Amino acid sequence: MKELVFLVRSGCINTTSLRANLDAALQSMGRTTDYRSIDQSTLAATDPRIGYPTPTVLLCGADLFGMAQPTPPYPEPA
């Protein structure tokens, strides 16, 4: 599923839970769990995806839960 992206970062305590919930939701809809998982630390400093909190699920580039796309300056990871 190229249009579904799971944003993570090392040390995020919520990643495991959200990944499990995402996988369960996809499986309940008969969808595959072959979405892309991207570590924010691999993204360019100008990439707006680094401004999202982690974990975040993006569908077609938009936050699944309706959060607006971050704008510069992007916050430091917490």
PDB file of N, CA and C in Angstrom:
ATOM      1  N   MET A   1       0.833  -1.171   0.000  1.00  0.00           N
ATOM      2  CA  MET A   1       0.000   0.000   0.000  1.00  0.00           C
ATOM      3  C   MET A   1       0.882   1.240   0.000  1.00  0.00           C
ATOM      4  N   LYS A   2       1.171   1.743  -1.155  1.00  0.00           N
ATOM      5  CA  LYS A   2       2.072   2.882  -1.272  1.00  0.00           C
ATOM      6  C   LYS A   2       1.486   4.152  -0.679  1.00  0.00           C
ATOM      7  N   GLU A   3       0.169   4.260  -0.634  1.00  0.00           N
ATOM      8  CA  GLU A   3      -0.446   5.489  -0.143  1.00  0.00           C
ATOM      9  C   GLU A   3      -0.513   5.553   1.379  1.00  0.00           C
ATOM     10  N   LEU A   4      -0.182   4.463   2.083  1.00  0.00           N
ATOM     11  CA  LEU A   4      -0.219   4.420   3.537  1.00  0.00           C
ATOM     12  C   LEU A   4       1.208   4.412   4.079  1.00  0.00           C
ATOM     13  N   VAL A   5       1.515   5.389   4.947  1.00  0.00           N
ATOM     14  CA  VAL A   5       2.861   5.519   5.513  1.00  0.00           C
ATOM     15  C   VAL A   5       2.746   5.574   7.028  1.00  0.00           C
ATOM     16  N   PHE A   6       3.596   4.811   7.690  1.00  0.00           N
ATOM     17  CA  PHE A   6       3.660   4.784   9.142  1.00  0.00           C
ATOM     18  C   PHE A   6       4.950   5.474   9.545  1.00  0.00           C
ATOM     19  N   LEU A   7       4.840   6.673  10.142  1.00  0.00           N
ATOM     20  CA  LEU A   7       6.020   7.428  10.570  1.00  0.00           C
ATOM     21  C   LEU A   7       6.396   7.038  11.989  1.00  0.00           C
ATOM     22  N   VAL A   8       7.676   6.739  12.184  1.00  0.00           N
ATOM     23  CA  VAL A   8       8.177   6.335  13.499  1.00  0.00           C
ATOM     24  C   VAL A   8       9.488   7.049  13.781  1.00  0.00           C
ATOM     25  N   ARG A   9       9.940   6.928  15.001  1.00  0.00           N
ATOM     26  CA  ARG A   9      11.289   7.346  15.367  1.00  0.00           C
ATOM     27  C   ARG A   9      11.767   6.424  16.470  1.00  0.00           C
ATOM     28  N   SER A  10      13.051   6.271  16.552  1.00  0.00           N
ATOM     29  CA  SER A  10      13.654   5.395  17.545  1.00  0.00           C
ATOM     30  C   SER A  10      13.280   5.855  18.949  1.00  0.00           C
ATOM     31  N   GLY A  11      12.888   4.928  19.779  1.00  0.00           N
ATOM     32  CA  GLY A  11      12.578   5.227  21.167  1.00  0.00           C
ATOM     33  C   GLY A  11      11.148   5.651  21.438  1.00  0.00           C
ATOM     34  N   CYS A  12      10.318   5.750  20.417  1.00  0.00           N
ATOM     35  CA  CYS A  12       8.922   6.153  20.627  1.00  0.00           C
ATOM     36  C   CYS A  12       8.178   4.994  21.290  1.00  0.00           C
ATOM     37  N   ILE A  13       7.632   5.251  22.473  1.00  0.00           N
ATOM     38  CA  ILE A  13       7.000   4.174  23.243  1.00  0.00           C
ATOM     39  C   ILE A  13       5.639   3.757  22.701  1.00  0.00           C
ATOM     40  N   ASN A  14       5.048   4.566  21.838  1.00  0.00           N
ATOM     41  CA  ASN A  14       3.721   4.249  21.317  1.00  0.00           C
ATOM     42  C   ASN A  14       3.733   3.526  19.975  1.00  0.00           C
ATOM     43  N   THR A  15       4.901   3.369  19.389  1.00  0.00           N
ATOM     44  CA  THR A  15       4.996   2.761  18.062  1.00  0.00           C
ATOM     45  C   THR A  15       4.431   1.349  18.028  1.00  0.00           C
ATOM     46  N   THR A  16       4.809   0.525  18.972  1.00  0.00           N
ATOM     47  CA  THR A  16       4.378  -0.876  18.968  1.00  0.00           C
ATOM     48  C   THR A  16       2.861  -0.985  19.053  1.00  0.00           C
ATOM     49  N   SER A  17       2.241  -0.208  19.933  1.00  0.00           N
ATOM     50  CA  SER A  17       0.785  -0.263  20.099  1.00  0.00           C
ATOM     51  C   SER A  17       0.056   0.214  18.850  1.00  0.00           C
ATOM     52  N   LEU A  18       0.496   1.347  18.293  1.00  0.00           N
ATOM     53  CA  LEU A  18      -0.195   1.856  17.110  1.00  0.00           C
ATOM     54  C   LEU A  18       0.003   0.927  15.920  1.00  0.00           C
ATOM     55  N   ARG A  19       1.205   0.359  15.773  1.00  0.00           N
ATOM     56  CA  ARG A  19       1.434  -0.581  14.670  1.00  0.00           C
ATOM     57  C   ARG A  19       0.506  -1.793  14.799  1.00  0.00           C
ATOM     58  N   ALA A  20       0.351  -2.309  16.009  1.00  0.00           N
ATOM     59  CA  ALA A  20      -0.531  -3.459  16.226  1.00  0.00           C
ATOM     60  C   ALA A  20      -1.976  -3.094  15.897  1.00  0.00           C
ATOM     61  N   ASN A  21      -2.409  -1.913  16.324  1.00  0.00           N
ATOM     62  CA  ASN A  21      -3.778  -1.475  16.033  1.00  0.00           C
ATOM     63  C   ASN A  21      -3.984  -1.240  14.540  1.00  0.00           C
ATOM     64  N   LEU A  22      -2.999  -0.643  13.883  1.00  0.00           N
ATOM     65  CA  LEU A  22      -3.082  -0.407  12.442  1.00  0.00           C
ATOM     66  C   LEU A  22      -3.160  -1.728  11.690  1.00  0.00           C
ATOM     67  N   ASP A  23      -2.295  -2.665  12.048  1.00  0.00           N
ATOM     68  CA  ASP A  23      -2.310  -3.975  11.389  1.00  0.00           C
ATOM     69  C   ASP A  23      -3.657  -4.682  11.594  1.00  0.00           C
ATOM     70  N   ALA A  24      -4.176  -4.635  12.818  1.00  0.00           N
ATOM     71  CA  ALA A  24      -5.458  -5.283  13.111  1.00  0.00           C
ATOM     72  C   ALA A  24      -6.590  -4.633  12.314  1.00  0.00           C
ATOM     73  N   ALA A  25      -6.576  -3.306  12.227  1.00  0.00           N
ATOM     74  CA  ALA A  25      -7.618  -2.608  11.473  1.00  0.00           C
ATOM     75  C   ALA A  25      -7.558  -2.971   9.996  1.00  0.00           C
ATOM     76  N   LEU A  26      -6.357  -2.987   9.435  1.00  0.00           N
ATOM     77  CA  LEU A  26      -6.211  -3.335   8.018  1.00  0.00           C
ATOM     78  C   LEU A  26      -6.665  -4.768   7.760  1.00  0.00           C
ATOM     79  N   GLN A  27      -6.256  -5.691   8.629  1.00  0.00           N
ATOM     80  CA  GLN A  27      -6.638  -7.083   8.460  1.00  0.00           C
ATOM     81  C   GLN A  27      -8.147  -7.265   8.589  1.00  0.00           C
ATOM     82  N   SER A  28      -8.792  -6.497   9.480  1.00  0.00           N
ATOM     83  CA  SER A  28     -10.247  -6.629   9.645  1.00  0.00           C
ATOM     84  C   SER A  28     -11.000  -6.145   8.408  1.00  0.00           C
ATOM     85  N   MET A  29     -10.333  -5.302   7.597  1.00  0.00           N
ATOM     86  CA  MET A  29     -10.943  -4.814   6.353  1.00  0.00           C
ATOM     87  C   MET A  29     -10.503  -5.638   5.142  1.00  0.00           C
ATOM     88  N   GLY A  30      -9.730  -6.702   5.419  1.00  0.00           N
ATOM     89  CA  GLY A  30      -9.262  -7.549   4.334  1.00  0.00           C
ATOM     90  C   GLY A  30      -8.128  -6.924   3.536  1.00  0.00           C
ATOM     91  N   ARG A  31      -7.438  -5.960   4.120  1.00  0.00           N
ATOM     92  CA  ARG A  31      -6.326  -5.282   3.446  1.00  0.00           C
ATOM     93  C   ARG A  31      -5.008  -5.879   3.886  1.00  0.00           C
ATOM     94  N   THR A  32      -3.993  -5.678   3.064  1.00  0.00           N
ATOM     95  CA  THR A  32      -2.659  -6.152   3.417  1.00  0.00           C
ATOM     96  C   THR A  32      -1.991  -5.148   4.348  1.00  0.00           C
ATOM     97  N   THR A  33      -0.959  -5.605   5.024  1.00  0.00           N
ATOM     98  CA  THR A  33      -0.204  -4.747   5.934  1.00  0.00           C
ATOM     99  C   THR A  33       1.166  -4.414   5.342  1.00  0.00           C
ATOM    100  N   ASP A  34       1.195  -4.211   4.041  1.00  0.00           N
ATOM    101  CA  ASP A  34       2.472  -3.937   3.380  1.00  0.00           C
ATOM    102  C   ASP A  34       2.710  -2.433   3.185  1.00  0.00           C
ATOM    103  N   TYR A  35       2.250  -1.626   4.151  1.00  0.00           N
ATOM    104  CA  TYR A  35       2.468  -0.191   4.099  1.00  0.00           C
ATOM    105  C   TYR A  35       3.950   0.131   4.334  1.00  0.00           C
ATOM    106  N   ARG A  36       4.323   1.358   3.999  1.00  0.00           N
ATOM    107  CA  ARG A  36       5.706   1.784   4.225  1.00  0.00           C
ATOM    108  C   ARG A  36       5.858   2.290   5.652  1.00  0.00           C
ATOM    109  N   SER A  37       6.940   1.908   6.283  1.00  0.00           N
ATOM    110  CA  SER A  37       7.306   2.416   7.596  1.00  0.00           C
ATOM    111  C   SER A  37       8.556   3.267   7.400  1.00  0.00           C
ATOM    112  N   ILE A  38       8.492   4.529   7.831  1.00  0.00           N
ATOM    113  CA  ILE A  38       9.602   5.453   7.619  1.00  0.00           C
ATOM    114  C   ILE A  38      10.057   6.011   8.958  1.00  0.00           C
ATOM    115  N   ASP A  39      11.350   5.892   9.227  1.00  0.00           N
ATOM    116  CA  ASP A  39      11.940   6.493  10.419  1.00  0.00           C
ATOM    117  C   ASP A  39      12.195   7.965  10.104  1.00  0.00           C
ATOM    118  N   GLN A  40      11.652   8.862  10.915  1.00  0.00           N
ATOM    119  CA  GLN A  40      11.793  10.288  10.661  1.00  0.00           C
ATOM    120  C   GLN A  40      13.248  10.732  10.578  1.00  0.00           C
ATOM    121  N   SER A  41      14.147  10.043  11.255  1.00  0.00           N
ATOM    122  CA  SER A  41      15.554  10.446  11.237  1.00  0.00           C
ATOM    123  C   SER A  41      16.191  10.276   9.863  1.00  0.00           C
ATOM    124  N   THR A  42      15.533   9.557   8.963  1.00  0.00           N
ATOM    125  CA  THR A  42      16.081   9.364   7.620  1.00  0.00           C
ATOM    126  C   THR A  42      15.592  10.426   6.635  1.00  0.00           C
ATOM    127  N   LEU A  43      14.692  11.287   7.089  1.00  0.00           N
ATOM    128  CA  LEU A  43      14.112  12.299   6.204  1.00  0.00           C
ATOM    129  C   LEU A  43      14.942  13.583   6.216  1.00  0.00           C
ATOM    130  N   ALA A  44      14.884  14.323   5.123  1.00  0.00           N
ATOM    131  CA  ALA A  44      15.588  15.597   5.022  1.00  0.00           C
ATOM    132  C   ALA A  44      14.994  16.598   6.008  1.00  0.00           C
ATOM    133  N   ALA A  45      15.803  17.526   6.452  1.00  0.00           N
ATOM    134  CA  ALA A  45      15.360  18.543   7.408  1.00  0.00           C
ATOM    135  C   ALA A  45      14.241  19.406   6.854  1.00  0.00           C
ATOM    136  N   THR A  46      14.080  19.437   5.541  1.00  0.00           N
ATOM    137  CA  THR A  46      13.034  20.240   4.903  1.00  0.00           C
ATOM    138  C   THR A  46      11.751  19.454   4.642  1.00  0.00           C
ATOM    139  N   ASP A  47      11.763  18.167   4.946  1.00  0.00           N
ATOM    140  CA  ASP A  47      10.597  17.319   4.708  1.00  0.00           C
ATOM    141  C   ASP A  47       9.543  17.596   5.770  1.00  0.00           C
ATOM    142  N   PRO A  48       8.339  18.008   5.392  1.00  0.00           N
ATOM    143  CA  PRO A  48       7.316  18.323   6.391  1.00  0.00           C
ATOM    144  C   PRO A  48       6.929  17.150   7.281  1.00  0.00           C
ATOM    145  N   ARG A  49       7.214  15.934   6.849  1.00  0.00           N
ATOM    146  CA  ARG A  49       6.855  14.779   7.671  1.00  0.00           C
ATOM    147  C   ARG A  49       7.646  14.725   8.976  1.00  0.00           C
ATOM    148  N   ILE A  50       8.772  15.441   9.060  1.00  0.00           N
ATOM    149  CA  ILE A  50       9.531  15.426  10.319  1.00  0.00           C
ATOM    150  C   ILE A  50       8.835  16.234  11.406  1.00  0.00           C
ATOM    151  N   GLY A  51       7.853  17.033  11.028  1.00  0.00           N
ATOM    152  CA  GLY A  51       7.127  17.835  11.998  1.00  0.00           C
ATOM    153  C   GLY A  51       5.982  17.120  12.680  1.00  0.00           C
ATOM    154  N   TYR A  52       5.621  15.943  12.203  1.00  0.00           N
ATOM    155  CA  TYR A  52       4.548  15.184  12.839  1.00  0.00           C
ATOM    156  C   TYR A  52       5.065  14.509  14.103  1.00  0.00           C
ATOM    157  N   PRO A  53       4.203  14.349  15.108  1.00  0.00           N
ATOM    158  CA  PRO A  53       4.597  13.538  16.265  1.00  0.00           C
ATOM    159  C   PRO A  53       4.640  12.074  15.826  1.00  0.00           C
ATOM    160  N   THR A  54       5.347  11.267  16.573  1.00  0.00           N
ATOM    161  CA  THR A  54       5.384   9.846  16.235  1.00  0.00           C
ATOM    162  C   THR A  54       4.734   9.037  17.342  1.00  0.00           C
ATOM    163  N   PRO A  55       4.135   7.944  16.951  1.00  0.00           N
ATOM    164  CA  PRO A  55       3.930   7.495  15.580  1.00  0.00           C
ATOM    165  C   PRO A  55       2.772   8.245  14.927  1.00  0.00           C
ATOM    166  N   THR A  56       2.827   8.331  13.617  1.00  0.00           N
ATOM    167  CA  THR A  56       1.772   8.962  12.828  1.00  0.00           C
ATOM    168  C   THR A  56       1.482   8.096  11.618  1.00  0.00           C
ATOM    169  N   VAL A  57       0.215   8.006  11.254  1.00  0.00           N
ATOM    170  CA  VAL A  57      -0.192   7.286  10.052  1.00  0.00           C
ATOM    171  C   VAL A  57      -0.634   8.324   9.019  1.00  0.00           C
ATOM    172  N   LEU A  58       0.003   8.290   7.852  1.00  0.00           N
ATOM    173  CA  LEU A  58      -0.366   9.183   6.759  1.00  0.00           C
ATOM    174  C   LEU A  58      -1.033   8.369   5.662  1.00  0.00           C
ATOM    175  N   LEU A  59      -2.153   8.858   5.196  1.00  0.00           N
ATOM    176  CA  LEU A  59      -2.860   8.229   4.087  1.00  0.00           C
ATOM    177  C   LEU A  59      -2.885   9.229   2.943  1.00  0.00           C
ATOM    178  N   CYS A  60      -2.253   8.882   1.835  1.00  0.00           N
ATOM    179  CA  CYS A  60      -2.129   9.782   0.683  1.00  0.00           C
ATOM    180  C   CYS A  60      -1.516  11.116   1.101  1.00  0.00           C
ATOM    181  N   GLY A  61      -0.552  11.067   2.025  1.00  0.00           N
ATOM    182  CA  GLY A  61       0.169  12.256   2.458  1.00  0.00           C
ATOM    183  C   GLY A  61      -0.497  13.062   3.551  1.00  0.00           C
ATOM    184  N   ALA A  62      -1.692  12.677   3.982  1.00  0.00           N
ATOM    185  CA  ALA A  62      -2.417  13.410   5.021  1.00  0.00           C
ATOM    186  C   ALA A  62      -2.539  12.553   6.284  1.00  0.00           C
ATOM    187  N   ASP A  63      -2.485  13.216   7.432  1.00  0.00           N
ATOM    188  CA  ASP A  63      -2.620  12.519   8.704  1.00  0.00           C
ATOM    189  C   ASP A  63      -3.975  11.826   8.772  1.00  0.00           C
ATOM    190  N   LEU A  64      -3.980  10.555   9.136  1.00  0.00           N
ATOM    191  CA  LEU A  64      -5.192   9.749   9.192  1.00  0.00           C
ATOM    192  C   LEU A  64      -6.215  10.325  10.167  1.00  0.00           C
ATOM    193  N   PHE A  65      -5.741  11.024  11.195  1.00  0.00           N
ATOM    194  CA  PHE A  65      -6.634  11.560  12.220  1.00  0.00           C
ATOM    195  C   PHE A  65      -6.924  13.050  12.033  1.00  0.00           C
ATOM    196  N   GLY A  66      -6.504  13.627  10.911  1.00  0.00           N
ATOM    197  CA  GLY A  66      -6.877  14.992  10.571  1.00  0.00           C
ATOM    198  C   GLY A  66      -5.936  16.096  11.018  1.00  0.00           C
ATOM    199  N   MET A  67      -4.772  15.750  11.562  1.00  0.00           N
ATOM    200  CA  MET A  67      -3.813  16.785  11.955  1.00  0.00           C
ATOM    201  C   MET A  67      -3.324  17.514  10.705  1.00  0.00           C
ATOM    202  N   ALA A  68      -3.237  18.827  10.783  1.00  0.00           N
ATOM    203  CA  ALA A  68      -2.751  19.615   9.646  1.00  0.00           C
ATOM    204  C   ALA A  68      -1.276  19.334   9.391  1.00  0.00           C
ATOM    205  N   GLN A  69      -0.871  19.437   8.129  1.00  0.00           N
ATOM    206  CA  GLN A  69       0.538  19.223   7.791  1.00  0.00           C
ATOM    207  C   GLN A  69       1.378  20.280   8.505  1.00  0.00           C
ATOM    208  N   PRO A  70       2.439  19.850   9.203  1.00  0.00           N
ATOM    209  CA  PRO A  70       3.286  20.791   9.919  1.00  0.00           C
ATOM    210  C   PRO A  70       3.953  21.801   8.980  1.00  0.00           C
ATOM    211  N   THR A  71       4.200  22.980   9.503  1.00  0.00           N
ATOM    212  CA  THR A  71       4.904  24.011   8.749  1.00  0.00           C
ATOM    213  C   THR A  71       6.156  24.411   9.509  1.00  0.00           C
ATOM    214  N   PRO A  72       7.175  24.873   8.787  1.00  0.00           N
ATOM    215  CA  PRO A  72       8.423  25.265   9.465  1.00  0.00           C
ATOM    216  C   PRO A  72       8.191  26.432  10.403  1.00  0.00           C
ATOM    217  N   PRO A  73       8.959  26.568  11.452  1.00  0.00           N
ATOM    218  CA  PRO A  73      10.021  25.654  11.866  1.00  0.00           C
ATOM    219  C   PRO A  73       9.423  24.400  12.529  1.00  0.00           C
ATOM    220  N   TYR A  74      10.004  23.253  12.209  1.00  0.00           N
ATOM    221  CA  TYR A  74       9.492  21.998  12.725  1.00  0.00           C
ATOM    222  C   TYR A  74       9.988  21.780  14.148  1.00  0.00           C
ATOM    223  N   PRO A  75       9.135  21.239  15.019  1.00  0.00           N
ATOM    224  CA  PRO A  75       9.558  21.008  16.413  1.00  0.00           C
ATOM    225  C   PRO A  75      10.599  19.909  16.499  1.00  0.00           C
ATOM    226  N   GLU A  76      11.404  19.986  17.512  1.00  0.00           N
ATOM    227  CA  GLU A  76      12.368  18.916  17.791  1.00  0.00           C
ATOM    228  C   GLU A  76      11.600  17.720  18.343  1.00  0.00           C
ATOM    229  N   PRO A  77      12.052  16.491  18.021  1.00  0.00           N
ATOM    230  CA  PRO A  77      11.379  15.308  18.586  1.00  0.00           C
ATOM    231  C   PRO A  77      11.443  15.331  20.110  1.00  0.00           C
ATOM    232  N   ALA A  78      10.370  14.908  20.733  1.00  0.00           N
ATOM    233  CA  ALA A  78      10.324  14.880  22.207  1.00  0.00           C
ATOM    234  C   ALA A  78      10.546  13.482  22.718  1.00  0.00           C
TER     235      ALA A  78
END
